[in-house]
Protein backbone atom coordinates (compact mmCIF):
# COMPACT_ATOMS: atom_id res chain seq x y z
CA UNK A 1 -34.32 0.98 31.22
CA UNK A 2 -37.78 1.43 32.71
CA UNK A 3 -40.70 0.59 30.26
CA UNK A 4 -42.35 4.00 30.93
CA UNK A 5 -39.16 5.94 29.83
CA UNK A 6 -40.01 8.81 27.55
CA UNK A 7 -38.44 9.32 24.07
CA UNK A 8 -36.30 12.06 25.49
CA UNK A 9 -35.02 9.80 28.23
CA UNK A 10 -34.23 7.01 25.78
CA UNK A 11 -32.43 9.34 23.40
CA UNK A 12 -30.38 10.84 26.32
CA UNK A 13 -29.42 7.42 27.61
CA UNK A 14 -28.31 6.20 24.28
CA UNK A 15 -26.28 9.29 23.56
CA UNK A 16 -24.57 8.88 26.88
CA UNK A 17 -23.63 5.25 26.14
CA UNK A 18 -22.62 6.10 22.60
CA UNK A 19 -20.24 8.75 23.73
CA UNK A 20 -18.83 6.51 26.40
CA UNK A 21 -18.05 3.57 24.09
CA UNK A 22 -17.41 5.44 20.77
CA UNK A 23 -14.47 3.82 18.94
CA UNK A 24 -12.77 7.24 18.46
CA UNK A 25 -12.58 7.63 22.21
CA UNK A 26 -11.56 3.89 22.76
CA UNK A 27 -9.22 3.11 19.88
CA UNK A 28 -8.25 -0.53 19.59
CA UNK A 29 -10.70 -1.53 22.42
CA UNK A 30 -12.68 -4.43 21.07
CA UNK A 31 -14.95 -4.59 24.21
CA UNK A 32 -15.88 -0.86 23.80
CA UNK A 33 -16.64 -1.32 20.12
CA UNK A 34 -18.91 -4.33 21.04
CA UNK A 35 -20.68 -2.21 23.63
CA UNK A 36 -21.05 0.62 21.07
CA UNK A 37 -22.78 -1.79 18.70
CA UNK A 38 -25.02 -3.19 21.49
CA UNK A 39 -26.08 0.26 22.48
CA UNK A 40 -26.97 1.10 18.84
CA UNK A 41 -28.98 -2.05 18.45
CA UNK A 42 -30.75 -1.48 21.71
CA UNK A 43 -31.55 2.11 20.56
CA UNK A 44 -32.89 0.72 17.12
CA UNK A 45 -35.27 -1.56 19.04
CA UNK A 46 -36.48 1.07 21.55
CA UNK A 47 -36.93 3.77 18.85
CA UNK A 48 -39.17 1.39 16.80
CA UNK A 49 -42.76 1.39 18.26
CA UNK A 50 -43.46 -2.20 17.15
CA UNK A 51 -40.15 -3.52 18.42
CA UNK A 52 -40.53 -1.57 21.62
CA UNK A 53 -43.88 -3.11 22.25
CA UNK A 54 -42.30 -6.60 21.78
CA UNK A 55 -39.61 -5.69 24.18
CA UNK A 56 -42.07 -4.36 26.79
CA UNK A 57 -44.10 -7.48 26.56
CA UNK A 58 -41.41 -10.27 26.18
CA UNK A 59 -38.23 -8.54 27.35
CA UNK A 60 -34.70 -9.19 26.12
CA UNK A 61 -35.47 -12.72 24.83
CA UNK A 62 -37.81 -11.39 22.06
CA UNK A 63 -34.67 -10.35 20.22
CA UNK A 64 -32.37 -13.44 20.59
CA UNK A 65 -31.90 -16.67 18.77
CA UNK A 66 -33.64 -15.84 15.51
CA UNK A 67 -36.98 -14.19 16.60
CA UNK A 68 -36.52 -11.35 14.01
CA UNK A 69 -34.88 -8.54 15.92
CA UNK A 70 -31.12 -9.19 16.20
CA UNK A 71 -31.17 -6.49 18.82
CA UNK A 72 -28.79 -6.43 21.84
CA UNK A 73 -26.52 -8.99 20.27
CA UNK A 74 -23.83 -6.62 19.04
CA UNK A 75 -23.37 -8.47 15.86
CA UNK A 76 -26.13 -7.30 13.55
CA UNK A 77 -24.88 -3.90 12.57
CA UNK A 78 -21.65 -2.49 11.29
CA UNK A 79 -20.22 1.04 11.98
CA UNK A 80 -21.54 2.36 8.65
CA UNK A 81 -25.03 1.26 9.50
CA UNK A 82 -24.83 2.97 12.93
CA UNK A 83 -23.54 6.28 11.68
CA UNK A 84 -25.93 6.52 8.79
CA UNK A 85 -29.04 5.62 10.79
CA UNK A 86 -28.39 7.59 13.80
CA UNK A 87 -26.73 10.77 12.36
CA UNK A 88 -28.84 13.26 14.40
CA UNK A 89 -27.67 11.62 17.64
CA UNK A 90 -24.12 12.53 16.81
CA UNK A 91 -24.83 15.83 15.12
CA UNK A 92 -24.71 14.96 11.48
CA UNK A 93 -22.81 11.77 10.87
CA UNK A 94 -21.44 10.40 14.14
CA UNK A 95 -17.90 11.46 13.68
CA UNK A 96 -15.61 12.36 16.64
CA UNK A 97 -12.74 12.78 14.21
CA UNK A 98 -12.34 9.36 12.62
CA UNK A 99 -15.75 7.83 11.77
CA UNK A 100 -18.65 8.86 9.63
CA UNK A 101 -19.02 12.34 8.22
CA UNK A 102 -21.56 15.08 7.98
CA UNK A 103 -23.25 17.19 5.30
CA UNK A 104 -21.94 19.32 2.67
CA UNK A 105 -21.59 18.67 -1.12
CA UNK A 106 -19.63 15.57 -1.99
CA UNK A 107 -17.05 15.38 -4.77
CA UNK A 108 -16.85 11.93 -6.25
CA UNK A 109 -13.32 10.67 -7.10
CA UNK A 110 -12.71 8.90 -10.41
CA UNK A 111 -11.28 5.37 -10.32
CA UNK A 112 -7.54 4.69 -10.17
CA UNK A 113 -5.50 3.20 -12.98
CA UNK A 114 -2.64 0.76 -12.56
CA UNK A 115 0.48 0.14 -14.74
CA UNK A 116 3.76 -1.62 -14.32
CA UNK A 117 7.17 -0.03 -15.24
CA UNK A 118 10.26 -2.10 -15.82
CA UNK A 119 13.54 -0.42 -14.64
CA UNK A 120 17.16 -1.46 -15.08
CA UNK A 121 19.46 -1.46 -12.06
CA UNK A 122 21.22 1.59 -13.43
CA UNK A 123 17.93 3.40 -13.63
CA UNK A 124 17.13 2.48 -10.05
CA UNK A 125 20.58 3.56 -8.85
CA UNK A 126 20.29 7.05 -10.53
CA UNK A 127 16.60 7.76 -10.63
CA UNK A 128 14.76 8.18 -13.99
CA UNK A 129 11.95 10.11 -15.60
CA UNK A 130 9.74 7.74 -17.64
CA UNK A 131 7.13 8.68 -20.17
CA UNK A 132 4.32 6.25 -20.41
CA UNK A 133 1.18 6.11 -22.50
CA UNK A 134 -2.04 5.38 -20.61
CA UNK A 135 -5.68 5.08 -21.60
CA UNK A 136 -7.76 7.09 -19.28
CA UNK A 137 -11.37 8.14 -19.12
CA UNK A 138 -11.85 11.84 -19.59
CA UNK A 139 -14.88 14.04 -19.91
CA UNK A 140 -15.97 14.25 -23.48
CA UNK A 141 -15.74 17.55 -25.30
CA UNK A 142 -19.05 19.27 -25.36
CA UNK A 143 -20.52 17.29 -22.36
CA UNK A 144 -22.35 19.29 -19.75
CA UNK A 145 -23.86 18.48 -16.41
CA UNK A 146 -26.57 19.91 -14.21
CA UNK A 147 -27.40 19.70 -10.53
CA UNK A 148 -29.12 16.46 -9.68
CA UNK A 149 -32.76 17.39 -8.79
CA UNK A 150 -33.19 14.34 -6.60
CA UNK A 151 -30.48 15.39 -4.10
CA UNK A 152 -30.03 19.07 -5.00
CA UNK A 153 -26.36 18.44 -5.65
CA UNK A 154 -25.62 16.98 -2.24
CA UNK A 155 -24.87 13.47 -3.57
CA UNK A 156 -27.02 12.16 -0.70
CA UNK A 157 -30.75 11.75 -0.09
CA UNK A 158 -32.16 12.26 3.38
CA UNK A 159 -34.94 10.19 4.78
CA UNK A 160 -37.00 11.28 7.68
CA UNK A 161 -38.93 8.85 9.74
CA UNK A 162 -41.36 9.67 12.45
CA UNK A 163 -40.69 7.47 15.57
CA UNK A 164 -41.58 7.42 19.30
CA UNK A 165 -38.38 9.54 19.74
CA UNK A 166 -39.43 12.07 17.31
CA UNK A 167 -38.23 12.65 13.67
CA UNK A 168 -35.27 10.49 12.67
CA UNK A 169 -33.02 11.47 9.85
CA UNK A 170 -30.80 9.04 7.81
CA UNK A 171 -28.73 9.62 4.67
CA UNK A 172 -27.94 7.32 1.76
CA UNK A 173 -26.15 7.76 -1.66
CA UNK A 174 -28.29 9.36 -4.24
CA UNK A 175 -29.61 6.65 -6.58
CA UNK A 176 -30.00 9.14 -9.49
CA UNK A 177 -26.43 10.60 -9.62
CA UNK A 178 -24.49 7.84 -7.78
CA UNK A 179 -23.24 10.44 -5.25
CA UNK A 180 -21.68 12.97 -7.69
CA UNK A 181 -24.47 15.55 -7.13
CA UNK A 182 -24.73 16.03 -10.83
CA UNK A 183 -26.37 14.43 -13.89
CA UNK A 184 -25.74 14.78 -17.59
CA UNK A 185 -27.45 17.61 -19.36
CA UNK A 186 -25.88 17.18 -22.68
CA UNK A 187 -24.01 14.09 -23.87
CA UNK A 188 -22.03 13.72 -27.13
CA UNK A 189 -22.73 10.72 -29.23
CA UNK A 190 -19.34 9.08 -28.60
CA UNK A 191 -19.52 9.34 -24.81
CA UNK A 192 -20.56 6.64 -22.39
CA UNK A 193 -23.47 6.96 -19.92
CA UNK A 194 -21.37 9.16 -17.58
CA UNK A 195 -20.16 11.48 -20.41
CA UNK A 196 -16.72 9.92 -20.63
CA UNK A 197 -14.53 8.93 -23.45
CA UNK A 198 -11.25 6.90 -23.56
CA UNK A 199 -8.15 8.80 -24.53
CA UNK A 200 -4.50 8.03 -24.85
CA UNK A 201 -2.37 10.35 -22.68
CA UNK A 202 1.44 10.46 -22.26
CA UNK A 203 2.27 10.78 -18.61
CA UNK A 204 5.64 11.76 -17.18
CA UNK A 205 6.63 9.85 -14.12
CA UNK A 206 9.61 10.93 -11.91
CA UNK A 207 10.93 7.77 -10.29
CA UNK A 208 13.34 8.54 -7.34
CA UNK A 209 16.55 6.55 -6.94
CA UNK A 210 16.51 3.55 -4.68
CA UNK A 211 13.05 2.08 -5.44
CA UNK A 212 12.66 -1.67 -5.01
CA UNK A 213 10.83 -4.31 -6.93
CA UNK A 214 7.12 -4.38 -6.05
CA UNK A 215 7.02 -0.82 -4.72
CA UNK A 216 4.03 1.31 -5.87
CA UNK A 217 4.20 4.96 -6.53
CA UNK A 218 1.30 7.32 -7.04
CA UNK A 219 0.88 9.94 -9.78
CA UNK A 220 -1.96 12.13 -8.49
CA UNK A 221 -4.98 13.03 -10.73
CA UNK A 222 -3.78 10.84 -13.65
CA UNK A 223 -6.40 8.11 -13.26
CA UNK A 224 -9.89 8.23 -14.70
CA UNK A 225 -11.86 11.47 -14.56
CA UNK A 226 -15.09 11.66 -12.51
CA UNK A 227 -18.29 13.04 -13.90
CA UNK A 228 -19.23 16.63 -13.27
CA UNK A 229 -17.12 18.48 -10.82
CA UNK A 230 -15.54 15.29 -9.37
CA UNK A 231 -11.88 14.69 -8.73
CA UNK A 232 -9.72 12.54 -11.06
CA UNK A 233 -8.36 9.26 -9.70
CA UNK A 234 -4.76 8.46 -9.46
CA UNK A 235 -2.25 6.50 -11.51
CA UNK A 236 -0.63 3.74 -9.50
CA UNK A 237 2.82 2.75 -10.81
CA UNK A 238 4.11 -0.70 -9.83
CA UNK A 239 7.97 -1.08 -10.12
CA UNK A 240 9.49 -4.13 -11.68
CA UNK A 241 13.28 -4.47 -11.48
CA UNK A 242 15.04 -6.05 -14.43
CA UNK A 243 17.65 -8.56 -13.29
CA UNK A 244 21.24 -7.40 -13.97
CA UNK A 245 23.65 -9.52 -15.91
CA UNK A 246 26.44 -9.38 -13.36
CA UNK A 247 25.24 -7.57 -10.22
CA UNK A 248 22.87 -8.98 -7.65
CA UNK A 249 21.05 -6.73 -5.32
CA UNK A 250 20.44 -7.07 -1.64
CA UNK A 251 18.69 -4.06 -0.26
CA UNK A 252 21.05 -1.07 -0.88
CA UNK A 253 24.11 -3.33 -1.32
CA UNK A 254 25.24 -4.98 -4.58
CA UNK A 255 27.16 -8.29 -4.98
CA UNK A 256 29.67 -8.98 -7.78
CA UNK A 257 31.30 -12.31 -8.48
CA UNK A 258 34.94 -11.75 -9.76
CA UNK A 259 36.64 -14.67 -11.17
CA UNK A 260 40.52 -14.73 -11.42
CA UNK A 261 43.01 -17.29 -12.56
CA UNK A 262 45.43 -19.15 -10.13
CA UNK A 263 48.34 -17.11 -11.62
CA UNK A 264 46.55 -13.76 -11.08
CA UNK A 265 45.79 -14.80 -7.47
CA UNK A 266 49.46 -15.54 -6.90
CA UNK A 267 50.95 -12.59 -8.63
CA UNK A 268 48.27 -9.96 -7.85
CA UNK A 269 46.41 -8.13 -10.58
CA UNK A 270 44.25 -4.97 -11.32
CA UNK A 271 40.69 -5.60 -12.68
CA UNK A 272 37.84 -3.60 -14.05
CA UNK A 273 34.55 -4.57 -12.63
CA UNK A 274 30.98 -3.49 -13.47
CA UNK A 275 29.18 -1.07 -11.16
CA UNK A 276 25.92 0.69 -11.57
CA UNK A 277 27.69 3.85 -12.68
CA UNK A 278 30.28 2.37 -15.01
CA UNK A 279 33.49 0.47 -14.56
CA UNK A 280 35.43 0.50 -11.34
CA UNK A 281 39.14 -0.52 -11.23
CA UNK A 282 40.37 -2.51 -8.20
CA UNK A 283 43.77 -3.83 -7.28
CA UNK A 284 44.11 -7.40 -5.85
CA UNK A 285 47.09 -8.00 -3.66
CA UNK A 286 49.51 -10.85 -4.27
CA UNK A 287 48.43 -14.11 -2.77
CA UNK A 288 44.74 -13.14 -2.45
CA UNK A 289 42.62 -16.12 -1.31
CA UNK A 290 39.47 -17.32 -3.06
CA UNK A 291 36.45 -16.29 -1.04
CA UNK A 292 37.86 -12.91 -0.08
CA UNK A 293 35.19 -10.22 -0.09
CA UNK A 294 36.27 -6.65 -1.00
CA UNK A 295 33.81 -3.91 0.11
CA UNK A 296 33.59 -0.81 -1.94
CA UNK A 297 32.01 1.86 0.11
CA UNK A 298 29.17 3.90 -1.44
CA UNK A 299 29.23 1.99 -4.75
CA UNK A 300 25.78 0.36 -4.13
CA UNK A 301 22.16 1.68 -4.44
CA UNK A 302 20.95 4.92 -2.79
CA UNK A 303 18.56 4.57 -0.02
CA UNK A 304 14.99 5.52 -0.96
CA UNK A 305 14.92 7.32 2.40
CA UNK A 306 18.08 9.41 1.66
CA UNK A 307 20.22 7.47 4.13
CA UNK A 308 23.23 7.37 1.72
CA UNK A 309 24.30 4.68 -0.64
CA UNK A 310 24.85 1.05 0.00
CA UNK A 311 28.14 -0.82 -0.85
CA UNK A 312 29.47 -3.02 -3.66
CA UNK A 313 30.79 -6.21 -2.39
CA UNK A 314 33.21 -8.06 -4.66
CA UNK A 315 33.50 -11.71 -4.07
CA UNK A 316 36.90 -13.06 -5.29
CA UNK A 317 36.83 -16.55 -6.75
CA UNK A 318 40.09 -18.25 -7.80
CA UNK A 319 39.33 -20.34 -10.96
CA UNK A 320 40.98 -23.74 -10.93
CA UNK A 321 41.93 -25.02 -14.32
CA UNK A 322 40.22 -28.42 -15.23
CA UNK A 323 42.81 -29.55 -17.67
CA UNK A 324 46.63 -29.02 -17.80
CA UNK A 325 49.33 -29.64 -20.42
CA UNK A 326 52.23 -31.93 -19.74
CA UNK A 327 54.52 -29.09 -18.57
CA UNK A 328 51.97 -27.40 -16.40
CA UNK A 329 51.10 -30.64 -14.68
CA UNK A 330 54.78 -31.35 -14.07
CA UNK A 331 55.23 -27.95 -12.42
CA UNK A 332 52.37 -28.47 -10.01
CA UNK A 333 53.47 -32.12 -9.21
CA UNK A 334 56.94 -30.86 -8.36
CA UNK A 335 55.50 -28.41 -5.89
CA UNK A 336 53.07 -30.73 -4.12
CA UNK A 337 55.34 -30.79 -1.03
CA UNK A 338 56.52 -27.18 -1.20
CA UNK A 339 55.49 -25.33 1.89
CA UNK A 340 54.30 -22.38 -0.20
CA UNK A 341 51.69 -24.60 -1.77
CA UNK A 342 50.48 -26.23 1.50
CA UNK A 343 47.36 -24.53 2.82
CA UNK A 344 47.99 -22.72 6.08
CA UNK A 345 45.19 -20.24 6.80
CA UNK A 346 46.09 -17.53 9.28
CA UNK A 347 44.03 -17.42 12.45
CA UNK A 348 42.76 -14.03 11.28
CA UNK A 349 41.23 -15.56 8.22
CA UNK A 350 37.53 -16.05 8.57
CA UNK A 351 35.78 -19.20 7.56
CA UNK A 352 33.18 -19.26 4.87
CA UNK A 353 30.42 -19.49 7.35
CA UNK A 354 31.86 -16.58 9.38
CA UNK A 355 31.93 -14.45 6.14
CA UNK A 356 28.33 -15.43 5.49
CA UNK A 357 27.32 -14.45 9.05
CA UNK A 358 29.10 -11.20 8.64
CA UNK A 359 27.27 -10.37 5.39
CA UNK A 360 23.88 -10.74 7.13
CA UNK A 361 24.69 -9.19 10.50
């Protein structure tokens, strides 16, 4: 830009570049963001009479390498700096929809609380309502607030600076009220500096079926209160799954290891097995093989996204006795050469590795 440029020309040029490279208009474009920062730093220099004089005399190198300006490097300012210092350029905060924010009274939000809730597999499968006791900050009875005289209830203080470009306006959080726009007028003796006290409250939490270990749920407005007319924070509930004695979970599917005797495998048998909603009776065919997997459709965990239920996979394991009495041993010895006792898997029988592959496909 020409050294003789007027304040209006400088302001116009900066606004043009700022609009061109604004992050809202160039989402995900790192080069545009860098140019946006460089334009802001250049404007910072040219809008400051002392810095502009240095630039007019020494040029760009006056603000490189550590000579005190940082300008034109693109790395000395962040987005918050830019939007807060040049609010009037963008019309009250610099926002094109995603960044910054303009005037109006602010409502401070209270801090969030976090708890952990342990659930059995049965509770996860069916959904449950839990009542938990939490300690949360609430406004003390009898506390009263008044409008902050420093910011007139806006939560921000505006600073106006006279520059070569005219009157520049910037905003920052009010140091008196901390951004709430209100200060304590009357404080009970048992309240803290913000007019808060700690109270136990029983909160009811509706937990949907299908949640997973580590998932976080939000209960709105059950965190700490905010002073004055602020908004309460939220209660963040972290889910912890209690390990089941017999069932192993894999997403929405459940796995159950069923052990049967050699005689039961040969003759066939009916068995009651544990499921998340009680016992389920299954019938095992004669001659069932160890490693057979029976799939019970819809007997697993409901999908958290309402896509139906998973399955219950029953893994059949034939238990081989470790010791035999004399007659039992004699029976098996006499059948060692019998064709019925010689392994002859059918071609349709899948190997162990094929079964594992099917489980994860």
